[in-house]
């Protein structure tokens, strides 16, 4: 997936809708909490940790865990108790917006193309 396809897939997973205004003019609409919609720019999920934080809010707890597993390469220990090592915790803390976006898309089965993480 190219970067624009990734941004669009995440936006759509978060409930944003693309509304074409003309041949080259488009706007993104986001549902408001009280009803109706508002026009918003397409968030820069791949470069903005704040945008990814907002996107990750749509994930279930299980999906959040699935993202963590992808980001840190977690493997179940023999005890079966899900603990992260120090290095895995650091990797999670240092994950870039692009890495989080890729994990989000893979978790939601929206990723197309080669495996990268």
Protein backbone atom coordinates (compact mmCIF):
# COMPACT_ATOMS: atom_id res chain seq x y z
CA UNK A 1 0.00 0.00 0.00
CA UNK A 2 1.27 3.46 -0.71
CA UNK A 3 1.09 6.16 1.97
CA UNK A 4 -2.06 7.78 0.62
CA UNK A 5 -3.88 4.43 0.48
CA UNK A 6 -2.87 3.80 4.09
CA UNK A 7 -4.19 7.20 5.22
CA UNK A 8 -7.48 6.66 3.40
CA UNK A 9 -7.95 3.13 4.78
CA UNK A 10 -7.38 4.33 8.36
CA UNK A 11 -9.70 7.31 7.87
CA UNK A 12 -12.47 5.07 6.59
CA UNK A 13 -11.94 2.60 9.47
CA UNK A 14 -12.39 5.56 11.83
CA UNK A 15 -15.71 6.50 10.24
CA UNK A 16 -14.59 9.35 7.96
CA UNK A 17 -16.33 9.48 4.59
CA UNK A 18 -14.95 10.91 1.36
CA UNK A 19 -17.38 13.26 -0.33
CA UNK A 20 -16.41 14.28 -3.89
CA UNK A 21 -17.20 17.93 -4.61
CA UNK A 22 -16.06 17.89 -8.20
CA UNK A 23 -13.51 16.27 -10.53
CA UNK A 24 -10.51 17.19 -8.37
CA UNK A 25 -12.08 18.65 -5.21
CA UNK A 26 -12.86 16.27 -2.35
CA UNK A 27 -13.67 16.70 1.30
CA UNK A 28 -13.66 14.33 4.27
CA UNK A 29 -16.69 14.28 6.52
CA UNK A 30 -16.61 13.09 10.13
CA UNK A 31 -19.73 12.24 12.15
CA UNK A 32 -20.32 14.57 15.11
CA UNK A 33 -21.16 13.12 18.52
CA UNK A 34 -24.51 14.96 18.73
CA UNK A 35 -25.46 14.14 15.15
CA UNK A 36 -24.63 15.60 11.79
CA UNK A 37 -21.20 15.79 10.18
CA UNK A 38 -18.28 18.16 10.01
CA UNK A 39 -15.70 18.69 7.29
CA UNK A 40 -12.17 17.68 8.33
CA UNK A 41 -8.83 17.37 6.56
CA UNK A 42 -7.51 13.86 5.96
CA UNK A 43 -5.34 13.20 9.03
CA UNK A 44 -1.63 12.54 8.50
CA UNK A 45 -1.70 9.20 10.32
CA UNK A 46 1.75 8.12 9.12
CA UNK A 47 3.55 11.15 10.55
CA UNK A 48 1.36 12.33 13.42
CA UNK A 49 1.28 10.32 16.67
CA UNK A 50 -1.72 12.36 17.85
CA UNK A 51 -3.68 11.31 14.76
CA UNK A 52 -2.77 7.66 15.34
CA UNK A 53 -3.78 7.96 19.00
CA UNK A 54 -7.21 9.14 17.87
CA UNK A 55 -7.44 6.34 15.28
CA UNK A 56 -6.51 3.69 17.84
CA UNK A 57 -9.50 4.72 19.95
CA UNK A 58 -11.78 2.81 17.55
CA UNK A 59 -10.01 -0.48 18.31
CA UNK A 60 -11.30 -3.02 20.81
CA UNK A 61 -9.02 -4.08 23.68
CA UNK A 62 -8.21 -7.27 21.77
CA UNK A 63 -7.30 -5.28 18.66
CA UNK A 64 -5.06 -2.99 20.74
CA UNK A 65 -3.27 -6.09 22.05
CA UNK A 66 -2.95 -7.41 18.50
CA UNK A 67 -1.30 -4.12 17.50
CA UNK A 68 1.14 -4.40 20.43
CA UNK A 69 2.01 -7.96 19.38
CA UNK A 70 2.78 -6.75 15.86
CA UNK A 71 4.77 -3.72 17.02
CA UNK A 72 7.07 -5.56 19.42
CA UNK A 73 7.18 -9.02 17.85
CA UNK A 74 5.76 -10.53 21.05
CA UNK A 75 5.81 -14.29 21.46
CA UNK A 76 3.91 -16.13 24.19
CA UNK A 77 6.33 -17.24 26.95
CA UNK A 78 6.25 -20.81 28.26
CA UNK A 79 4.32 -19.63 31.33
CA UNK A 80 1.58 -18.34 29.04
CA UNK A 81 1.41 -15.09 31.03
CA UNK A 82 1.57 -12.09 28.65
CA UNK A 83 4.47 -10.00 29.92
CA UNK A 84 6.57 -7.68 27.78
CA UNK A 85 10.33 -7.64 28.17
CA UNK A 86 12.19 -4.40 28.77
CA UNK A 87 13.31 -4.24 25.14
CA UNK A 88 9.75 -4.92 23.91
CA UNK A 89 8.39 -2.16 26.15
CA UNK A 90 10.98 0.25 24.78
CA UNK A 91 10.11 -0.77 21.20
CA UNK A 92 6.45 -0.09 21.91
CA UNK A 93 7.24 3.29 23.43
CA UNK A 94 9.41 4.26 20.45
CA UNK A 95 7.02 3.02 17.74
CA UNK A 96 6.61 5.68 15.07
CA UNK A 97 3.28 6.85 13.72
CA UNK A 98 3.98 4.94 10.48
CA UNK A 99 4.67 1.72 12.41
CA UNK A 100 1.48 2.19 14.45
CA UNK A 101 -0.47 2.88 11.25
CA UNK A 102 0.80 -0.34 9.68
CA UNK A 103 -0.06 -2.37 12.81
CA UNK A 104 -3.52 -0.75 12.86
CA UNK A 105 -4.17 -1.68 9.23
CA UNK A 106 -2.90 -5.24 9.68
CA UNK A 107 -5.01 -5.69 12.82
CA UNK A 108 -8.11 -4.50 10.96
CA UNK A 109 -7.28 -6.73 7.96
CA UNK A 110 -6.93 -3.66 5.73
CA UNK A 111 -3.24 -4.01 4.90
CA UNK A 112 -2.44 -4.80 1.28
CA UNK A 113 0.96 -5.86 0.06
CA UNK A 114 4.17 -7.14 1.57
CA UNK A 115 4.75 -7.58 5.27
CA UNK A 116 7.02 -4.88 6.63
CA UNK A 117 6.94 -4.38 10.40
